[in-house]
Every structure is written in C-alpha cells, then in structure tokens.
Amino acid sequence: IVKSCQQAENDGLEWLWVDTCCIDKRNSTELSEALNSMFRWYENSKRCYAYLHDVDVFPTTPDHETFAAFNGWSEWFSRGWTLQELIAPTDLQFFNKDWLYIG
C-alpha cells in the first residue's frame, strides 16, 4: 500500500483506492454487488496499478517451475478481479515485486 501511494504521488494523483477488501463469496447478493461496483471503480479510475508480487519481468509464457501452484502464471492472474482489472481501466500499469514498472 505504501509503494502504491508513492507511485500515485509520483504520477500526480491525489487519491488512491486499494482493493484489499474482503468479500463474502458465500453471499451471492454481496458478491454480485461487489463485482458490479468494482468494475465501475476500475472503469472510472484515472490509472490502475497491478502489482505482481512474484515476478521480475512481465510474464508472456507459462513458467510451470516458478508458478507451479498457479498453472504456470503469476498469482495475480489467478485472482478473482483480474479480468475486471484488465478490461475496465483505460490505463493499466504493471509493476514487479520491486515496484518497478514492467508494462
């Protein structure tokens, strides 16, 4: 969270929202409302940061040795919000485990 705040400040952004909230996936009403709301939040964002905590460079091919638990891909790609984060924002920036821009 601290690094994302620093990045937002470097980018001249005044506000930052971090999607570290917990959603009860057993409650279909809560899950549906959260999915709809989060898509709008991503869509209305000026910029979206994707922090890939387990990579050095942007993954372009599966690496089953390094990411065996996630079918060859970084853990970020197995998260529930990944599709929304990819298609909703107009500006999506990826950062590696050291918070260096990778794409």
PDB file of N, CA and C in Angstrom:
ATOM      1  N   ILE A   1       0.828  -1.188   0.000  1.00  0.00           N
ATOM      2  CA  ILE A   1       0.000   0.000   0.000  1.00  0.00           C
ATOM      3  C   ILE A   1       0.872   1.251   0.000  1.00  0.00           C
ATOM      4  N   VAL A   2       1.947   1.234   0.785  1.00  0.00           N
ATOM      5  CA  VAL A   2       2.847   2.392   0.843  1.00  0.00           C
ATOM      6  C   VAL A   2       3.449   2.672  -0.535  1.00  0.00           C
ATOM      7  N   LYS A   3       3.914   1.629  -1.209  1.00  0.00           N
ATOM      8  CA  LYS A   3       4.516   1.815  -2.540  1.00  0.00           C
ATOM      9  C   LYS A   3       3.485   2.316  -3.552  1.00  0.00           C
ATOM     10  N   SER A   4       2.253   1.840  -3.463  1.00  0.00           N
ATOM     11  CA  SER A   4       1.229   2.328  -4.387  1.00  0.00           C
ATOM     12  C   SER A   4       0.928   3.801  -4.112  1.00  0.00           C
ATOM     13  N   CYS A   5       0.944   4.204  -2.859  1.00  0.00           N
ATOM     14  CA  CYS A   5       0.759   5.627  -2.528  1.00  0.00           C
ATOM     15  C   CYS A   5       1.902   6.459  -3.102  1.00  0.00           C
ATOM     16  N   GLN A   6       3.123   5.964  -2.970  1.00  0.00           N
ATOM     17  CA  GLN A   6       4.272   6.679  -3.524  1.00  0.00           C
ATOM     18  C   GLN A   6       4.169   6.785  -5.040  1.00  0.00           C
ATOM     19  N   GLN A   7       3.751   5.709  -5.694  1.00  0.00           N
ATOM     20  CA  GLN A   7       3.609   5.727  -7.156  1.00  0.00           C
ATOM     21  C   GLN A   7       2.528   6.713  -7.577  1.00  0.00           C
ATOM     22  N   ALA A   8       1.413   6.701  -6.880  1.00  0.00           N
ATOM     23  CA  ALA A   8       0.328   7.635  -7.195  1.00  0.00           C
ATOM     24  C   ALA A   8       0.797   9.077  -7.028  1.00  0.00           C
ATOM     25  N   GLU A   9       1.545   9.344  -5.987  1.00  0.00           N
ATOM     26  CA  GLU A   9       2.081  10.698  -5.774  1.00  0.00           C
ATOM     27  C   GLU A   9       3.041  11.075  -6.904  1.00  0.00           C
ATOM     28  N   ASN A  10       3.909  10.137  -7.290  1.00  0.00           N
ATOM     29  CA  ASN A  10       4.835  10.380  -8.405  1.00  0.00           C
ATOM     30  C   ASN A  10       4.084  10.666  -9.703  1.00  0.00           C
ATOM     31  N   ASP A  11       2.912  10.051  -9.867  1.00  0.00           N
ATOM     32  CA  ASP A  11       2.105  10.230 -11.069  1.00  0.00           C
ATOM     33  C   ASP A  11       1.184  11.448 -10.976  1.00  0.00           C
ATOM     34  N   GLY A  12       1.277  12.185  -9.881  1.00  0.00           N
ATOM     35  CA  GLY A  12       0.461  13.388  -9.727  1.00  0.00           C
ATOM     36  C   GLY A  12      -0.993  13.113  -9.393  1.00  0.00           C
ATOM     37  N   LEU A  13      -1.285  11.941  -8.853  1.00  0.00           N
ATOM     38  CA  LEU A  13      -2.655  11.586  -8.486  1.00  0.00           C
ATOM     39  C   LEU A  13      -2.919  11.987  -7.035  1.00  0.00           C
ATOM     40  N   GLU A  14      -4.117  12.473  -6.787  1.00  0.00           N
ATOM     41  CA  GLU A  14      -4.464  12.954  -5.445  1.00  0.00           C
ATOM     42  C   GLU A  14      -5.074  11.857  -4.573  1.00  0.00           C
ATOM     43  N   TRP A  15      -5.773  10.912  -5.190  1.00  0.00           N
ATOM     44  CA  TRP A  15      -6.476   9.868  -4.458  1.00  0.00           C
ATOM     45  C   TRP A  15      -6.033   8.488  -4.923  1.00  0.00           C
ATOM     46  N   LEU A  16      -6.142   7.514  -4.009  1.00  0.00           N
ATOM     47  CA  LEU A  16      -5.774   6.136  -4.313  1.00  0.00           C
ATOM     48  C   LEU A  16      -6.771   5.204  -3.637  1.00  0.00           C
ATOM     49  N   TRP A  17      -7.227   4.204  -4.376  1.00  0.00           N
ATOM     50  CA  TRP A  17      -8.080   3.170  -3.814  1.00  0.00           C
ATOM     51  C   TRP A  17      -7.353   1.843  -3.993  1.00  0.00           C
ATOM     52  N   VAL A  18      -7.266   1.064  -2.919  1.00  0.00           N
ATOM     53  CA  VAL A  18      -6.587  -0.231  -2.953  1.00  0.00           C
ATOM     54  C   VAL A  18      -7.627  -1.316  -2.696  1.00  0.00           C
ATOM     55  N   ASP A  19      -7.678  -2.308  -3.592  1.00  0.00           N
ATOM     56  CA  ASP A  19      -8.729  -3.338  -3.479  1.00  0.00           C
ATOM     57  C   ASP A  19      -8.307  -4.503  -2.590  1.00  0.00           C
ATOM     58  N   THR A  20      -8.021  -4.209  -1.338  1.00  0.00           N
ATOM     59  CA  THR A  20      -7.650  -5.257  -0.396  1.00  0.00           C
ATOM     60  C   THR A  20      -8.814  -5.670   0.488  1.00  0.00           C
ATOM     61  N   CYS A  21     -10.015  -5.312   0.086  1.00  0.00           N
ATOM     62  CA  CYS A  21     -11.188  -5.643   0.885  1.00  0.00           C
ATOM     63  C   CYS A  21     -11.521  -7.131   0.784  1.00  0.00           C
ATOM     64  N   CYS A  22     -12.240  -7.593   1.768  1.00  0.00           N
ATOM     65  CA  CYS A  22     -12.687  -8.992   1.756  1.00  0.00           C
ATOM     66  C   CYS A  22     -14.169  -9.029   1.417  1.00  0.00           C
ATOM     67  N   ILE A  23     -14.540  -9.955   0.599  1.00  0.00           N
ATOM     68  CA  ILE A  23     -15.932 -10.109   0.184  1.00  0.00           C
ATOM     69  C   ILE A  23     -16.363 -11.534   0.501  1.00  0.00           C
ATOM     70  N   ASP A  24     -17.504 -11.662   1.115  1.00  0.00           N
ATOM     71  CA  ASP A  24     -18.038 -12.980   1.446  1.00  0.00           C
ATOM     72  C   ASP A  24     -18.609 -13.605   0.176  1.00  0.00           C
ATOM     73  N   LYS A  25     -17.851 -14.500  -0.437  1.00  0.00           N
ATOM     74  CA  LYS A  25     -18.266 -15.112  -1.697  1.00  0.00           C
ATOM     75  C   LYS A  25     -19.417 -16.107  -1.508  1.00  0.00           C
ATOM     76  N   ARG A  26     -19.721 -16.450  -0.272  1.00  0.00           N
ATOM     77  CA  ARG A  26     -20.848 -17.345   0.003  1.00  0.00           C
ATOM     78  C   ARG A  26     -22.177 -16.606  -0.076  1.00  0.00           C
ATOM     79  N   ASN A  27     -22.116 -15.279   0.016  1.00  0.00           N
ATOM     80  CA  ASN A  27     -23.311 -14.449  -0.038  1.00  0.00           C
ATOM     81  C   ASN A  27     -23.458 -13.924  -1.460  1.00  0.00           C
ATOM     82  N   SER A  28     -24.372 -14.507  -2.227  1.00  0.00           N
ATOM     83  CA  SER A  28     -24.487 -14.180  -3.653  1.00  0.00           C
ATOM     84  C   SER A  28     -24.863 -12.711  -3.886  1.00  0.00           C
ATOM     85  N   THR A  29     -25.665 -12.137  -3.005  1.00  0.00           N
ATOM     86  CA  THR A  29     -26.050 -10.729  -3.148  1.00  0.00           C
ATOM     87  C   THR A  29     -24.833  -9.832  -2.963  1.00  0.00           C
ATOM     88  N   GLU A  30     -24.063 -10.075  -1.913  1.00  0.00           N
ATOM     89  CA  GLU A  30     -22.858  -9.281  -1.646  1.00  0.00           C
ATOM     90  C   GLU A  30     -21.844  -9.441  -2.778  1.00  0.00           C
ATOM     91  N   LEU A  31     -21.672 -10.659  -3.254  1.00  0.00           N
ATOM     92  CA  LEU A  31     -20.724 -10.920  -4.329  1.00  0.00           C
ATOM     93  C   LEU A  31     -21.133 -10.195  -5.604  1.00  0.00           C
ATOM     94  N   SER A  32     -22.397 -10.270  -5.967  1.00  0.00           N
ATOM     95  CA  SER A  32     -22.881  -9.601  -7.169  1.00  0.00           C
ATOM     96  C   SER A  32     -22.718  -8.089  -7.068  1.00  0.00           C
ATOM     97  N   GLU A  33     -23.074  -7.516  -5.938  1.00  0.00           N
ATOM     98  CA  GLU A  33     -22.943  -6.068  -5.739  1.00  0.00           C
ATOM     99  C   GLU A  33     -21.476  -5.650  -5.806  1.00  0.00           C
ATOM    100  N   ALA A  34     -20.598  -6.439  -5.199  1.00  0.00           N
ATOM    101  CA  ALA A  34     -19.168  -6.120  -5.207  1.00  0.00           C
ATOM    102  C   ALA A  34     -18.595  -6.187  -6.623  1.00  0.00           C
ATOM    103  N   LEU A  35     -18.970  -7.216  -7.377  1.00  0.00           N
ATOM    104  CA  LEU A  35     -18.476  -7.349  -8.745  1.00  0.00           C
ATOM    105  C   LEU A  35     -18.890  -6.158  -9.606  1.00  0.00           C
ATOM    106  N   ASN A  36     -20.154  -5.778  -9.507  1.00  0.00           N
ATOM    107  CA  ASN A  36     -20.653  -4.650 -10.287  1.00  0.00           C
ATOM    108  C   ASN A  36     -19.993  -3.338  -9.860  1.00  0.00           C
ATOM    109  N   SER A  37     -19.866  -3.134  -8.572  1.00  0.00           N
ATOM    110  CA  SER A  37     -19.254  -1.903  -8.070  1.00  0.00           C
ATOM    111  C   SER A  37     -17.796  -1.816  -8.452  1.00  0.00           C
ATOM    112  N   MET A  38     -17.063  -2.897  -8.295  1.00  0.00           N
ATOM    113  CA  MET A  38     -15.620  -2.868  -8.559  1.00  0.00           C
ATOM    114  C   MET A  38     -15.345  -2.637 -10.044  1.00  0.00           C
ATOM    115  N   PHE A  39     -16.144  -3.198 -10.910  1.00  0.00           N
ATOM    116  CA  PHE A  39     -15.943  -2.937 -12.331  1.00  0.00           C
ATOM    117  C   PHE A  39     -16.063  -1.437 -12.607  1.00  0.00           C
ATOM    118  N   ARG A  40     -17.089  -0.805 -12.042  1.00  0.00           N
ATOM    119  CA  ARG A  40     -17.271   0.639 -12.238  1.00  0.00           C
ATOM    120  C   ARG A  40     -16.101   1.423 -11.661  1.00  0.00           C
ATOM    121  N   TRP A  41     -15.591   0.996 -10.506  1.00  0.00           N
ATOM    122  CA  TRP A  41     -14.461   1.710  -9.891  1.00  0.00           C
ATOM    123  C   TRP A  41     -13.235   1.626 -10.800  1.00  0.00           C
ATOM    124  N   TYR A  42     -12.963   0.427 -11.328  1.00  0.00           N
ATOM    125  CA  TYR A  42     -11.833   0.279 -12.258  1.00  0.00           C
ATOM    126  C   TYR A  42     -12.067   1.101 -13.521  1.00  0.00           C
ATOM    127  N   GLU A  43     -13.283   1.042 -14.024  1.00  0.00           N
ATOM    128  CA  GLU A  43     -13.616   1.747 -15.254  1.00  0.00           C
ATOM    129  C   GLU A  43     -13.489   3.269 -15.092  1.00  0.00           C
ATOM    130  N   ASN A  44     -13.827   3.797 -13.940  1.00  0.00           N
ATOM    131  CA  ASN A  44     -13.778   5.229 -13.686  1.00  0.00           C
ATOM    132  C   ASN A  44     -12.424   5.707 -13.179  1.00  0.00           C
ATOM    133  N   SER A  45     -11.498   4.792 -12.997  1.00  0.00           N
ATOM    134  CA  SER A  45     -10.188   5.189 -12.475  1.00  0.00           C
ATOM    135  C   SER A  45      -9.383   5.939 -13.535  1.00  0.00           C
ATOM    136  N   LYS A  46      -8.555   6.834 -13.076  1.00  0.00           N
ATOM    137  CA  LYS A  46      -7.646   7.529 -13.990  1.00  0.00           C
ATOM    138  C   LYS A  46      -6.506   6.587 -14.383  1.00  0.00           C
ATOM    139  N   ARG A  47      -6.083   5.759 -13.439  1.00  0.00           N
ATOM    140  CA  ARG A  47      -4.997   4.813 -13.687  1.00  0.00           C
ATOM    141  C   ARG A  47      -5.167   3.639 -12.731  1.00  0.00           C
ATOM    142  N   CYS A  48      -4.831   2.450 -13.199  1.00  0.00           N
ATOM    143  CA  CYS A  48      -4.893   1.253 -12.376  1.00  0.00           C
ATOM    144  C   CYS A  48      -3.500   0.637 -12.308  1.00  0.00           C
ATOM    145  N   TYR A  49      -3.053   0.360 -11.097  1.00  0.00           N
ATOM    146  CA  TYR A  49      -1.760  -0.298 -10.896  1.00  0.00           C
ATOM    147  C   TYR A  49      -1.992  -1.772 -10.581  1.00  0.00           C
ATOM    148  N   ALA A  50      -1.282  -2.637 -11.275  1.00  0.00           N
ATOM    149  CA  ALA A  50      -1.321  -4.068 -10.975  1.00  0.00           C
ATOM    150  C   ALA A  50       0.050  -4.454 -10.436  1.00  0.00           C
ATOM    151  N   TYR A  51       0.085  -4.868  -9.190  1.00  0.00           N
ATOM    152  CA  TYR A  51       1.336  -5.237  -8.521  1.00  0.00           C
ATOM    153  C   TYR A  51       1.488  -6.753  -8.571  1.00  0.00           C
ATOM    154  N   LEU A  52       2.461  -7.216  -9.339  1.00  0.00           N
ATOM    155  CA  LEU A  52       2.737  -8.649  -9.453  1.00  0.00           C
ATOM    156  C   LEU A  52       3.884  -8.972  -8.502  1.00  0.00           C
ATOM    157  N   HIS A  53       3.524  -9.350  -7.292  1.00  0.00           N
ATOM    158  CA  HIS A  53       4.488  -9.520  -6.211  1.00  0.00           C
ATOM    159  C   HIS A  53       5.478 -10.666  -6.425  1.00  0.00           C
ATOM    160  N   ASP A  54       5.219 -11.511  -7.387  1.00  0.00           N
ATOM    161  CA  ASP A  54       6.042 -12.710  -7.548  1.00  0.00           C
ATOM    162  C   ASP A  54       6.801 -12.765  -8.884  1.00  0.00           C
ATOM    163  N   VAL A  55       6.990 -11.621  -9.553  1.00  0.00           N
ATOM    164  CA  VAL A  55       7.703 -11.628 -10.829  1.00  0.00           C
ATOM    165  C   VAL A  55       8.783 -10.543 -10.869  1.00  0.00           C
ATOM    166  N   ASP A  56       9.768 -10.774 -11.743  1.00  0.00           N
ATOM    167  CA  ASP A  56      10.790  -9.768 -12.035  1.00  0.00           C
ATOM    168  C   ASP A  56      10.448  -9.029 -13.317  1.00  0.00           C
ATOM    169  N   VAL A  57      10.039  -9.803 -14.344  1.00  0.00           N
ATOM    170  CA  VAL A  57       9.668  -9.243 -15.647  1.00  0.00           C
ATOM    171  C   VAL A  57       8.248  -9.703 -15.966  1.00  0.00           C
ATOM    172  N   PHE A  58       7.611  -8.993 -16.879  1.00  0.00           N
ATOM    173  CA  PHE A  58       6.229  -9.342 -17.215  1.00  0.00           C
ATOM    174  C   PHE A  58       6.182 -10.724 -17.855  1.00  0.00           C
ATOM    175  N   PRO A  59       5.360 -11.628 -17.334  1.00  0.00           N
ATOM    176  CA  PRO A  59       5.274 -12.985 -17.888  1.00  0.00           C
ATOM    177  C   PRO A  59       4.517 -13.010 -19.214  1.00  0.00           C
ATOM    178  N   THR A  60       5.131 -13.608 -20.213  1.00  0.00           N
ATOM    179  CA  THR A  60       4.472 -13.721 -21.518  1.00  0.00           C
ATOM    180  C   THR A  60       4.238 -15.170 -21.929  1.00  0.00           C
ATOM    181  N   THR A  61       4.848 -16.090 -21.204  1.00  0.00           N
ATOM    182  CA  THR A  61       4.627 -17.515 -21.437  1.00  0.00           C
ATOM    183  C   THR A  61       4.530 -18.207 -20.077  1.00  0.00           C
ATOM    184  N   PRO A  62       3.836 -19.322 -20.004  1.00  0.00           N
ATOM    185  CA  PRO A  62       3.731 -20.040 -18.734  1.00  0.00           C
ATOM    186  C   PRO A  62       5.101 -20.518 -18.243  1.00  0.00           C
ATOM    187  N   ASP A  63       5.307 -20.431 -16.946  1.00  0.00           N
ATOM    188  CA  ASP A  63       6.525 -20.926 -16.300  1.00  0.00           C
ATOM    189  C   ASP A  63       6.069 -21.876 -15.193  1.00  0.00           C
ATOM    190  N   HIS A  64       5.942 -23.145 -15.539  1.00  0.00           N
ATOM    191  CA  HIS A  64       5.380 -24.125 -14.608  1.00  0.00           C
ATOM    192  C   HIS A  64       6.315 -24.440 -13.451  1.00  0.00           C
ATOM    193  N   GLU A  65       7.584 -24.161 -13.588  1.00  0.00           N
ATOM    194  CA  GLU A  65       8.526 -24.394 -12.491  1.00  0.00           C
ATOM    195  C   GLU A  65       8.378 -23.310 -11.421  1.00  0.00           C
ATOM    196  N   THR A  66       8.400 -22.063 -11.845  1.00  0.00           N
ATOM    197  CA  THR A  66       8.301 -20.947 -10.905  1.00  0.00           C
ATOM    198  C   THR A  66       6.894 -20.793 -10.344  1.00  0.00           C
ATOM    199  N   PHE A  67       5.892 -20.991 -11.172  1.00  0.00           N
ATOM    200  CA  PHE A  67       4.499 -20.759 -10.779  1.00  0.00           C
ATOM    201  C   PHE A  67       3.674 -22.042 -10.823  1.00  0.00           C
ATOM    202  N   ALA A  68       4.204 -23.098 -10.276  1.00  0.00           N
ATOM    203  CA  ALA A  68       3.535 -24.404 -10.318  1.00  0.00           C
ATOM    204  C   ALA A  68       2.145 -24.362  -9.681  1.00  0.00           C
ATOM    205  N   ALA A  69       1.990 -23.600  -8.628  1.00  0.00           N
ATOM    206  CA  ALA A  69       0.711 -23.549  -7.915  1.00  0.00           C
ATOM    207  C   ALA A  69      -0.369 -22.804  -8.691  1.00  0.00           C
ATOM    208  N   PHE A  70       0.024 -22.052  -9.721  1.00  0.00           N
ATOM    209  CA  PHE A  70      -0.947 -21.218 -10.442  1.00  0.00           C
ATOM    210  C   PHE A  70      -0.943 -21.511 -11.936  1.00  0.00           C
ATOM    211  N   ASN A  71      -0.767 -22.789 -12.271  1.00  0.00           N
ATOM    212  CA  ASN A  71      -0.851 -23.244 -13.658  1.00  0.00           C
ATOM    213  C   ASN A  71       0.136 -22.538 -14.585  1.00  0.00           C
ATOM    214  N   GLY A  72       1.303 -22.180 -14.033  1.00  0.00           N
ATOM    215  CA  GLY A  72       2.361 -21.600 -14.851  1.00  0.00           C
ATOM    216  C   GLY A  72       2.382 -20.089 -14.924  1.00  0.00           C
ATOM    217  N   TRP A  73       1.447 -19.427 -14.237  1.00  0.00           N
ATOM    218  CA  TRP A  73       1.357 -17.971 -14.309  1.00  0.00           C
ATOM    219  C   TRP A  73       1.498 -17.341 -12.933  1.00  0.00           C
ATOM    220  N   SER A  74       1.834 -16.075 -12.916  1.00  0.00           N
ATOM    221  CA  SER A  74       1.922 -15.313 -11.679  1.00  0.00           C
ATOM    222  C   SER A  74       0.608 -15.419 -10.906  1.00  0.00           C
ATOM    223  N   GLU A  75       0.688 -15.353  -9.605  1.00  0.00           N
ATOM    224  CA  GLU A  75      -0.509 -15.466  -8.772  1.00  0.00           C
ATOM    225  C   GLU A  75      -1.570 -14.423  -9.136  1.00  0.00           C
ATOM    226  N   TRP A  76      -1.160 -13.234  -9.566  1.00  0.00           N
ATOM    227  CA  TRP A  76      -2.114 -12.171  -9.908  1.00  0.00           C
ATOM    228  C   TRP A  76      -3.137 -12.656 -10.927  1.00  0.00           C
ATOM    229  N   PHE A  77      -2.713 -13.490 -11.881  1.00  0.00           N
ATOM    230  CA  PHE A  77      -3.605 -13.959 -12.935  1.00  0.00           C
ATOM    231  C   PHE A  77      -4.631 -14.982 -12.441  1.00  0.00           C
ATOM    232  N   SER A  78      -4.491 -15.444 -11.210  1.00  0.00           N
ATOM    233  CA  SER A  78      -5.444 -16.410 -10.657  1.00  0.00           C
ATOM    234  C   SER A  78      -6.486 -15.733  -9.765  1.00  0.00           C
ATOM    235  N   ARG A  79      -6.339 -14.443  -9.537  1.00  0.00           N
ATOM    236  CA  ARG A  79      -7.244 -13.712  -8.660  1.00  0.00           C
ATOM    237  C   ARG A  79      -8.609 -13.498  -9.313  1.00  0.00           C
ATOM    238  N   GLY A  80      -9.599 -13.311  -8.490  1.00  0.00           N
ATOM    239  CA  GLY A  80     -10.951 -13.119  -8.996  1.00  0.00           C
ATOM    240  C   GLY A  80     -11.177 -11.816  -9.732  1.00  0.00           C
ATOM    241  N   TRP A  81     -10.381 -10.777  -9.431  1.00  0.00           N
ATOM    242  CA  TRP A  81     -10.610  -9.460 -10.031  1.00  0.00           C
ATOM    243  C   TRP A  81      -9.779  -9.237 -11.284  1.00  0.00           C
ATOM    244  N   THR A  82      -8.937 -10.170 -11.648  1.00  0.00           N
ATOM    245  CA  THR A  82      -8.013  -9.954 -12.754  1.00  0.00           C
ATOM    246  C   THR A  82      -8.701  -9.525 -14.043  1.00  0.00           C
ATOM    247  N   LEU A  83      -9.759 -10.191 -14.454  1.00  0.00           N
ATOM    248  CA  LEU A  83     -10.431  -9.841 -15.706  1.00  0.00           C
ATOM    249  C   LEU A  83     -10.943  -8.397 -15.662  1.00  0.00           C
ATOM    250  N   GLN A  84     -11.550  -8.014 -14.554  1.00  0.00           N
ATOM    251  CA  GLN A  84     -12.029  -6.639 -14.421  1.00  0.00           C
ATOM    252  C   GLN A  84     -10.874  -5.642 -14.513  1.00  0.00           C
ATOM    253  N   GLU A  85      -9.779  -5.959 -13.870  1.00  0.00           N
ATOM    254  CA  GLU A  85      -8.616  -5.064 -13.887  1.00  0.00           C
ATOM    255  C   GLU A  85      -8.023  -4.953 -15.290  1.00  0.00           C
ATOM    256  N   LEU A  86      -8.157  -5.989 -16.090  1.00  0.00           N
ATOM    257  CA  LEU A  86      -7.612  -5.966 -17.446  1.00  0.00           C
ATOM    258  C   LEU A  86      -8.489  -5.197 -18.424  1.00  0.00           C
ATOM    259  N   ILE A  87      -9.805  -5.318 -18.300  1.00  0.00           N
ATOM    260  CA  ILE A  87     -10.672  -4.730 -19.326  1.00  0.00           C
ATOM    261  C   ILE A  87     -11.320  -3.406 -18.932  1.00  0.00           C
ATOM    262  N   ALA A  88     -11.469  -3.114 -17.654  1.00  0.00           N
ATOM    263  CA  ALA A  88     -12.208  -1.915 -17.247  1.00  0.00           C
ATOM    264  C   ALA A  88     -11.398  -0.619 -17.321  1.00  0.00           C
ATOM    265  N   PRO A  89     -10.173  -0.568 -16.813  1.00  0.00           N
ATOM    266  CA  PRO A  89      -9.462   0.721 -16.815  1.00  0.00           C
ATOM    267  C   PRO A  89      -8.931   1.097 -18.197  1.00  0.00           C
ATOM    268  N   THR A  90      -8.839   2.391 -18.441  1.00  0.00           N
ATOM    269  CA  THR A  90      -8.252   2.849 -19.708  1.00  0.00           C
ATOM    270  C   THR A  90      -6.733   2.912 -19.612  1.00  0.00           C
ATOM    271  N   ASP A  91      -6.189   2.941 -18.399  1.00  0.00           N
ATOM    272  CA  ASP A  91      -4.738   2.993 -18.188  1.00  0.00           C
ATOM    273  C   ASP A  91      -4.369   1.994 -17.105  1.00  0.00           C
ATOM    274  N   LEU A  92      -3.809   0.867 -17.497  1.00  0.00           N
ATOM    275  CA  LEU A  92      -3.397  -0.187 -16.571  1.00  0.00           C
ATOM    276  C   LEU A  92      -1.890  -0.324 -16.644  1.00  0.00           C
ATOM    277  N   GLN A  93      -1.223  -0.185 -15.502  1.00  0.00           N
ATOM    278  CA  GLN A  93       0.233  -0.280 -15.460  1.00  0.00           C
ATOM    279  C   GLN A  93       0.643  -1.417 -14.531  1.00  0.00           C
ATOM    280  N   PHE A  94       1.584  -2.233 -14.994  1.00  0.00           N
ATOM    281  CA  PHE A  94       2.056  -3.376 -14.228  1.00  0.00           C
ATOM    282  C   PHE A  94       3.385  -3.061 -13.558  1.00  0.00           C
ATOM    283  N   PHE A  95       3.526  -3.517 -12.313  1.00  0.00           N
ATOM    284  CA  PHE A  95       4.750  -3.342 -11.545  1.00  0.00           C
ATOM    285  C   PHE A  95       5.197  -4.692 -11.002  1.00  0.00           C
ATOM    286  N   ASN A  96       6.513  -4.894 -10.931  1.00  0.00           N
ATOM    287  CA  ASN A  96       7.035  -6.168 -10.453  1.00  0.00           C
ATOM    288  C   ASN A  96       7.190  -6.167  -8.930  1.00  0.00           C
ATOM    289  N   LYS A  97       7.818  -7.212  -8.406  1.00  0.00           N
ATOM    290  CA  LYS A  97       7.936  -7.391  -6.962  1.00  0.00           C
ATOM    291  C   LYS A  97       8.712  -6.278  -6.290  1.00  0.00           C
ATOM    292  N   ASP A  98       9.523  -5.548  -7.045  1.00  0.00           N
ATOM    293  CA  ASP A  98      10.290  -4.417  -6.506  1.00  0.00           C
ATOM    294  C   ASP A  98       9.616  -3.068  -6.797  1.00  0.00           C
ATOM    295  N   TRP A  99       8.406  -3.083  -7.241  1.00  0.00           N
ATOM    296  CA  TRP A  99       7.630  -1.902  -7.627  1.00  0.00           C
ATOM    297  C   TRP A  99       8.307  -1.135  -8.752  1.00  0.00           C
ATOM    298  N   LEU A 100       8.891  -1.884  -9.689  1.00  0.00           N
ATOM    299  CA  LEU A 100       9.450  -1.305 -10.914  1.00  0.00           C
ATOM    300  C   LEU A 100       8.456  -1.538 -12.045  1.00  0.00           C
ATOM    301  N   TYR A 101       8.246  -0.539 -12.867  1.00  0.00           N
ATOM    302  CA  TYR A 101       7.314  -0.616 -13.995  1.00  0.00           C
ATOM    303  C   TYR A 101       7.764  -1.707 -14.978  1.00  0.00           C
ATOM    304  N   ILE A 102       6.844  -2.607 -15.340  1.00  0.00           N
ATOM    305  CA  ILE A 102       7.188  -3.682 -16.279  1.00  0.00           C
ATOM    306  C   ILE A 102       6.233  -3.752 -17.470  1.00  0.00           C
ATOM    307  N   GLY A 103       5.299  -2.822 -17.571  1.00  0.00           N
ATOM    308  CA  GLY A 103       4.428  -2.818 -18.748  1.00  0.00           C
ATOM    309  C   GLY A 103       3.077  -2.232 -18.486  1.00  0.00           C
TER     310      GLY A 103
END
